[in-house]
Amino acid sequence: MKVSANQEVKTIVPYNWYGLLVFDDPEVGLDKEPFVSGVPQILYSLCGAVGIKDPKKGFKLLFSGTEFQGFQIKAERLEPDNGGYWYRVLGQEGWLCPALFRYFDEAPETLYIKVEAK
């Protein structure tokens, strides 16, 4: 069982790899893990809103299951699907695959998110 996983602020660095928005996190065994099903569009929109000029070259993504200082948006959990969960954020929906459970024991009801230049 992960200790206080919902309270920790995690940081990953998404980047473009052959047209996919992916990230690596060797600490949890992920390499070129893609974001799919609406999530890239949501993240690129957020990057544009905060002035990150070329997010395809990479940006920092901070996230937590609890509110943290400086978070920019909240993603609200919807329904489970295919081992992952759908979330609604910025009026859009995006699916987070089962890799979500590398960070959380249970899918958080709310994900708190911040993006910043790397």
N, C-alpha and C. Protein backbone atom coordinates (compact mmCIF):
# COMPACT_ATOMS: atom_id res chain seq x y z
N MET A 1 0.84 -1.19 0.00
CA MET A 1 0.00 0.00 0.00
C MET A 1 0.88 1.25 0.00
N LYS A 2 0.54 2.19 -0.85
CA LYS A 2 1.30 3.43 -0.94
C LYS A 2 0.96 4.32 0.27
N VAL A 3 1.95 4.96 0.82
CA VAL A 3 1.76 5.81 1.99
C VAL A 3 1.32 7.19 1.56
N SER A 4 0.15 7.61 1.99
CA SER A 4 -0.36 8.96 1.75
C SER A 4 -0.23 9.39 0.28
N ALA A 5 -0.48 8.47 -0.63
CA ALA A 5 -0.28 8.78 -2.05
C ALA A 5 -1.14 9.94 -2.52
N ASN A 6 -2.36 10.06 -2.00
CA ASN A 6 -3.23 11.16 -2.44
C ASN A 6 -2.72 12.51 -1.98
N GLN A 7 -1.91 12.54 -0.91
CA GLN A 7 -1.43 13.80 -0.38
C GLN A 7 -0.12 14.24 -1.00
N GLU A 8 0.58 13.36 -1.66
CA GLU A 8 1.85 13.70 -2.28
C GLU A 8 1.61 14.44 -3.59
N VAL A 9 2.47 15.42 -3.87
CA VAL A 9 2.44 16.08 -5.17
C VAL A 9 3.47 15.37 -6.04
N LYS A 10 3.00 14.77 -7.10
CA LYS A 10 3.85 14.05 -8.04
C LYS A 10 4.21 14.98 -9.19
N THR A 11 5.37 14.76 -9.78
CA THR A 11 5.80 15.55 -10.93
C THR A 11 6.28 14.61 -12.03
N ILE A 12 5.74 14.81 -13.22
CA ILE A 12 6.22 14.11 -14.40
C ILE A 12 6.48 15.16 -15.48
N VAL A 13 7.17 14.75 -16.54
CA VAL A 13 7.49 15.69 -17.62
C VAL A 13 7.00 15.10 -18.95
N PRO A 14 5.76 15.42 -19.33
CA PRO A 14 5.25 14.97 -20.63
C PRO A 14 5.99 15.64 -21.79
N TYR A 15 6.10 14.91 -22.90
CA TYR A 15 6.77 15.43 -24.10
C TYR A 15 6.20 14.70 -25.31
N ASN A 16 6.46 15.26 -26.48
CA ASN A 16 5.98 14.66 -27.73
C ASN A 16 6.97 13.60 -28.19
N TRP A 17 6.43 12.43 -28.51
CA TRP A 17 7.23 11.33 -29.04
C TRP A 17 6.47 10.72 -30.21
N TYR A 18 6.95 10.98 -31.42
CA TYR A 18 6.30 10.49 -32.64
C TYR A 18 4.81 10.81 -32.68
N GLY A 19 4.48 12.03 -32.29
CA GLY A 19 3.10 12.49 -32.37
C GLY A 19 2.24 12.15 -31.16
N LEU A 20 2.79 11.46 -30.19
CA LEU A 20 2.06 11.12 -28.98
C LEU A 20 2.58 11.95 -27.81
N LEU A 21 1.71 12.34 -26.91
CA LEU A 21 2.13 12.97 -25.68
C LEU A 21 2.39 11.85 -24.68
N VAL A 22 3.65 11.71 -24.27
CA VAL A 22 4.07 10.60 -23.40
C VAL A 22 4.86 11.15 -22.21
N PHE A 23 5.12 10.27 -21.24
CA PHE A 23 6.00 10.62 -20.13
C PHE A 23 6.72 9.36 -19.66
N ASP A 24 7.84 9.59 -19.01
CA ASP A 24 8.63 8.51 -18.43
C ASP A 24 8.64 8.70 -16.91
N ASP A 25 8.54 7.62 -16.19
CA ASP A 25 8.69 7.67 -14.74
C ASP A 25 9.26 6.34 -14.28
N PRO A 26 10.60 6.22 -14.32
CA PRO A 26 11.22 4.95 -13.95
C PRO A 26 10.92 4.52 -12.52
N GLU A 27 10.61 5.48 -11.64
CA GLU A 27 10.31 5.12 -10.25
C GLU A 27 9.08 4.22 -10.14
N VAL A 28 8.15 4.34 -11.08
CA VAL A 28 6.95 3.50 -11.05
C VAL A 28 6.89 2.56 -12.25
N GLY A 29 7.99 2.44 -12.98
CA GLY A 29 8.09 1.48 -14.07
C GLY A 29 7.42 1.89 -15.37
N LEU A 30 7.34 3.18 -15.65
CA LEU A 30 6.70 3.64 -16.88
C LEU A 30 7.72 4.27 -17.82
N ASP A 31 7.63 3.91 -19.10
CA ASP A 31 8.51 4.44 -20.13
C ASP A 31 7.67 4.76 -21.35
N LYS A 32 7.70 6.01 -21.77
CA LYS A 32 6.91 6.48 -22.92
C LYS A 32 5.44 6.09 -22.77
N GLU A 33 4.91 6.31 -21.58
CA GLU A 33 3.49 6.05 -21.30
C GLU A 33 2.66 7.15 -21.96
N PRO A 34 1.77 6.78 -22.88
CA PRO A 34 1.03 7.81 -23.60
C PRO A 34 -0.20 8.32 -22.84
N PHE A 35 -0.48 9.59 -23.03
CA PHE A 35 -1.77 10.15 -22.66
C PHE A 35 -2.66 10.00 -23.89
N VAL A 36 -3.91 9.60 -23.69
CA VAL A 36 -4.82 9.35 -24.80
C VAL A 36 -6.21 9.88 -24.47
N SER A 37 -7.12 9.73 -25.39
CA SER A 37 -8.56 9.96 -25.20
C SER A 37 -8.89 11.28 -24.52
N GLY A 38 -8.45 12.36 -25.15
CA GLY A 38 -8.81 13.70 -24.69
C GLY A 38 -7.82 14.35 -23.76
N VAL A 39 -6.96 13.58 -23.09
CA VAL A 39 -6.04 14.16 -22.12
C VAL A 39 -4.99 15.05 -22.80
N PRO A 40 -4.41 14.67 -23.95
CA PRO A 40 -3.44 15.59 -24.57
C PRO A 40 -4.06 16.96 -24.87
N GLN A 41 -5.27 16.97 -25.39
CA GLN A 41 -5.91 18.24 -25.72
C GLN A 41 -6.13 19.09 -24.47
N ILE A 42 -6.53 18.46 -23.37
CA ILE A 42 -6.73 19.18 -22.12
C ILE A 42 -5.41 19.78 -21.64
N LEU A 43 -4.36 18.97 -21.65
CA LEU A 43 -3.06 19.45 -21.17
C LEU A 43 -2.49 20.54 -22.07
N TYR A 44 -2.63 20.38 -23.38
CA TYR A 44 -2.14 21.43 -24.28
C TYR A 44 -2.93 22.72 -24.09
N SER A 45 -4.23 22.63 -23.85
CA SER A 45 -5.05 23.82 -23.59
C SER A 45 -4.57 24.52 -22.33
N LEU A 46 -4.32 23.75 -21.29
CA LEU A 46 -3.84 24.34 -20.04
C LEU A 46 -2.47 24.98 -20.23
N CYS A 47 -1.60 24.32 -20.97
CA CYS A 47 -0.27 24.90 -21.24
C CYS A 47 -0.41 26.23 -21.96
N GLY A 48 -1.29 26.30 -22.94
CA GLY A 48 -1.51 27.55 -23.66
C GLY A 48 -2.04 28.64 -22.75
N ALA A 49 -2.93 28.27 -21.84
CA ALA A 49 -3.54 29.24 -20.94
C ALA A 49 -2.52 29.84 -19.97
N VAL A 50 -1.48 29.09 -19.65
CA VAL A 50 -0.47 29.61 -18.70
C VAL A 50 0.79 30.10 -19.41
N GLY A 51 0.77 30.10 -20.76
CA GLY A 51 1.87 30.70 -21.51
C GLY A 51 3.05 29.80 -21.83
N ILE A 52 2.87 28.51 -21.74
CA ILE A 52 3.94 27.59 -22.16
C ILE A 52 3.92 27.56 -23.68
N LYS A 53 4.99 28.07 -24.31
CA LYS A 53 4.98 28.32 -25.75
C LYS A 53 5.02 27.06 -26.61
N ASP A 54 5.79 26.07 -26.29
CA ASP A 54 5.86 24.86 -27.11
C ASP A 54 5.83 23.62 -26.21
N PRO A 55 4.64 23.25 -25.73
CA PRO A 55 4.54 22.14 -24.80
C PRO A 55 4.98 20.80 -25.39
N LYS A 56 5.03 20.71 -26.71
CA LYS A 56 5.46 19.44 -27.32
C LYS A 56 6.93 19.15 -27.03
N LYS A 57 7.68 20.18 -26.64
CA LYS A 57 9.09 19.97 -26.27
C LYS A 57 9.22 19.54 -24.81
N GLY A 58 8.10 19.50 -24.10
CA GLY A 58 8.10 19.05 -22.72
C GLY A 58 7.70 20.15 -21.76
N PHE A 59 7.04 19.74 -20.70
CA PHE A 59 6.62 20.65 -19.64
C PHE A 59 6.46 19.83 -18.36
N LYS A 60 6.48 20.51 -17.23
CA LYS A 60 6.27 19.83 -15.96
C LYS A 60 4.77 19.73 -15.68
N LEU A 61 4.35 18.58 -15.23
CA LEU A 61 2.97 18.35 -14.82
C LEU A 61 2.99 17.90 -13.37
N LEU A 62 2.43 18.72 -12.50
CA LEU A 62 2.34 18.39 -11.09
C LEU A 62 0.90 17.98 -10.80
N PHE A 63 0.72 16.94 -10.01
CA PHE A 63 -0.64 16.48 -9.72
C PHE A 63 -0.70 15.82 -8.35
N SER A 64 -1.88 15.88 -7.76
CA SER A 64 -2.10 15.30 -6.45
C SER A 64 -3.59 15.00 -6.27
N GLY A 65 -3.88 14.10 -5.36
CA GLY A 65 -5.26 13.80 -5.00
C GLY A 65 -5.80 14.75 -3.95
N THR A 66 -4.95 15.66 -3.46
CA THR A 66 -5.39 16.68 -2.51
C THR A 66 -4.91 18.05 -3.00
N GLU A 67 -5.61 19.06 -2.58
CA GLU A 67 -5.29 20.42 -2.98
C GLU A 67 -3.88 20.79 -2.53
N PHE A 68 -3.14 21.46 -3.41
CA PHE A 68 -1.80 21.94 -3.06
C PHE A 68 -1.65 23.38 -3.53
N GLN A 69 -0.74 24.10 -2.90
CA GLN A 69 -0.54 25.51 -3.21
C GLN A 69 -0.12 25.68 -4.67
N GLY A 70 -0.83 26.55 -5.38
CA GLY A 70 -0.48 26.87 -6.75
C GLY A 70 -1.15 25.99 -7.80
N PHE A 71 -2.00 25.03 -7.39
CA PHE A 71 -2.66 24.21 -8.42
C PHE A 71 -3.48 25.13 -9.31
N GLN A 72 -3.65 24.73 -10.58
CA GLN A 72 -4.34 25.58 -11.54
C GLN A 72 -5.74 25.09 -11.89
N ILE A 73 -5.93 23.79 -11.91
CA ILE A 73 -7.24 23.25 -12.25
C ILE A 73 -7.54 22.01 -11.41
N LYS A 74 -8.82 21.67 -11.37
CA LYS A 74 -9.27 20.45 -10.74
C LYS A 74 -9.92 19.57 -11.80
N ALA A 75 -9.61 18.30 -11.77
CA ALA A 75 -10.25 17.33 -12.65
C ALA A 75 -11.16 16.47 -11.78
N GLU A 76 -12.43 16.39 -12.15
CA GLU A 76 -13.41 15.65 -11.37
C GLU A 76 -13.62 14.25 -11.97
N ARG A 77 -13.53 13.24 -11.12
CA ARG A 77 -13.69 11.86 -11.56
C ARG A 77 -15.13 11.61 -12.02
N LEU A 78 -15.24 10.89 -13.12
CA LEU A 78 -16.53 10.49 -13.65
C LEU A 78 -16.68 8.98 -13.44
N GLU A 79 -16.77 8.23 -14.52
CA GLU A 79 -17.01 6.79 -14.39
C GLU A 79 -15.78 5.97 -14.77
N PRO A 80 -15.71 4.75 -14.22
CA PRO A 80 -14.62 3.86 -14.61
C PRO A 80 -14.86 3.34 -16.03
N ASP A 81 -13.77 3.01 -16.69
CA ASP A 81 -13.87 2.47 -18.05
C ASP A 81 -12.57 1.77 -18.40
N ASN A 82 -12.67 0.52 -18.77
CA ASN A 82 -11.53 -0.23 -19.31
C ASN A 82 -10.31 -0.18 -18.39
N GLY A 83 -10.54 -0.28 -17.08
CA GLY A 83 -9.44 -0.32 -16.12
C GLY A 83 -8.96 1.04 -15.65
N GLY A 84 -9.42 2.11 -16.28
CA GLY A 84 -9.05 3.46 -15.89
C GLY A 84 -10.28 4.26 -15.50
N TYR A 85 -10.17 5.57 -15.53
CA TYR A 85 -11.30 6.44 -15.17
C TYR A 85 -11.35 7.65 -16.10
N TRP A 86 -12.57 8.08 -16.38
CA TRP A 86 -12.79 9.33 -17.08
C TRP A 86 -12.83 10.46 -16.06
N TYR A 87 -12.25 11.60 -16.46
CA TYR A 87 -12.26 12.81 -15.64
C TYR A 87 -12.77 13.97 -16.49
N ARG A 88 -13.41 14.94 -15.83
CA ARG A 88 -13.86 16.15 -16.52
C ARG A 88 -13.04 17.32 -16.00
N VAL A 89 -12.51 18.09 -16.95
CA VAL A 89 -11.71 19.27 -16.62
C VAL A 89 -11.80 20.26 -17.78
N LEU A 90 -11.88 21.53 -17.47
CA LEU A 90 -11.95 22.58 -18.48
C LEU A 90 -13.08 22.34 -19.48
N GLY A 91 -14.19 21.78 -19.01
CA GLY A 91 -15.33 21.51 -19.88
C GLY A 91 -15.11 20.37 -20.85
N GLN A 92 -14.04 19.63 -20.67
CA GLN A 92 -13.72 18.51 -21.55
C GLN A 92 -13.60 17.23 -20.71
N GLU A 93 -13.65 16.10 -21.38
CA GLU A 93 -13.45 14.83 -20.69
C GLU A 93 -12.22 14.14 -21.24
N GLY A 94 -11.50 13.48 -20.35
CA GLY A 94 -10.31 12.74 -20.74
C GLY A 94 -10.21 11.47 -19.91
N TRP A 95 -9.65 10.45 -20.51
CA TRP A 95 -9.54 9.15 -19.85
C TRP A 95 -8.11 8.93 -19.35
N LEU A 96 -8.00 8.58 -18.09
CA LEU A 96 -6.71 8.20 -17.51
C LEU A 96 -6.67 6.69 -17.40
N CYS A 97 -5.68 6.10 -18.03
CA CYS A 97 -5.55 4.66 -18.12
C CYS A 97 -5.14 4.05 -16.78
N PRO A 98 -5.04 2.72 -16.70
CA PRO A 98 -4.67 2.08 -15.44
C PRO A 98 -3.31 2.49 -14.88
N ALA A 99 -2.49 3.19 -15.65
CA ALA A 99 -1.22 3.71 -15.10
C ALA A 99 -1.50 4.66 -13.93
N LEU A 100 -2.70 5.19 -13.84
CA LEU A 100 -3.11 6.03 -12.72
C LEU A 100 -2.84 5.33 -11.39
N PHE A 101 -3.00 4.01 -11.40
CA PHE A 101 -2.85 3.24 -10.16
C PHE A 101 -1.38 2.95 -9.81
N ARG A 102 -0.46 3.45 -10.61
CA ARG A 102 0.95 3.45 -10.21
C ARG A 102 1.20 4.58 -9.20
N TYR A 103 0.26 5.53 -9.15
CA TYR A 103 0.39 6.69 -8.27
C TYR A 103 -0.62 6.71 -7.13
N PHE A 104 -1.75 6.06 -7.32
CA PHE A 104 -2.82 6.07 -6.32
C PHE A 104 -3.37 4.66 -6.12
N ASP A 105 -3.71 4.33 -4.88
CA ASP A 105 -4.37 3.05 -4.60
C ASP A 105 -5.77 3.03 -5.20
N GLU A 106 -6.46 4.16 -5.13
CA GLU A 106 -7.80 4.33 -5.69
C GLU A 106 -7.80 5.60 -6.51
N ALA A 107 -8.62 5.63 -7.55
CA ALA A 107 -8.72 6.84 -8.37
C ALA A 107 -9.28 7.99 -7.53
N PRO A 108 -8.55 9.09 -7.40
CA PRO A 108 -9.05 10.21 -6.60
C PRO A 108 -10.34 10.79 -7.18
N GLU A 109 -11.23 11.23 -6.29
CA GLU A 109 -12.45 11.89 -6.76
C GLU A 109 -12.10 13.18 -7.49
N THR A 110 -11.05 13.85 -7.02
CA THR A 110 -10.58 15.09 -7.63
C THR A 110 -9.07 15.01 -7.79
N LEU A 111 -8.58 15.37 -8.96
CA LEU A 111 -7.15 15.52 -9.19
C LEU A 111 -6.86 17.01 -9.28
N TYR A 112 -5.86 17.45 -8.55
CA TYR A 112 -5.42 18.84 -8.58
C TYR A 112 -4.18 18.90 -9.46
N ILE A 113 -4.18 19.84 -10.41
CA ILE A 113 -3.18 19.82 -11.48
C ILE A 113 -2.56 21.20 -11.66
N LYS A 114 -1.27 21.17 -11.98
CA LYS A 114 -0.55 22.39 -12.34
C LYS A 114 0.43 22.03 -13.45
N VAL A 115 0.56 22.90 -14.45
CA VAL A 115 1.60 22.75 -15.46
C VAL A 115 2.52 23.96 -15.39
N GLU A 116 3.78 23.72 -15.70
CA GLU A 116 4.74 24.82 -15.75
C GLU A 116 5.85 24.45 -16.73
N ALA A 117 6.56 25.46 -17.18
CA ALA A 117 7.68 25.23 -18.11
C ALA A 117 8.73 24.40 -17.39
N LYS A 118 9.43 23.57 -18.17
CA LYS A 118 10.46 22.72 -17.53
C LYS A 118 11.78 23.46 -17.44
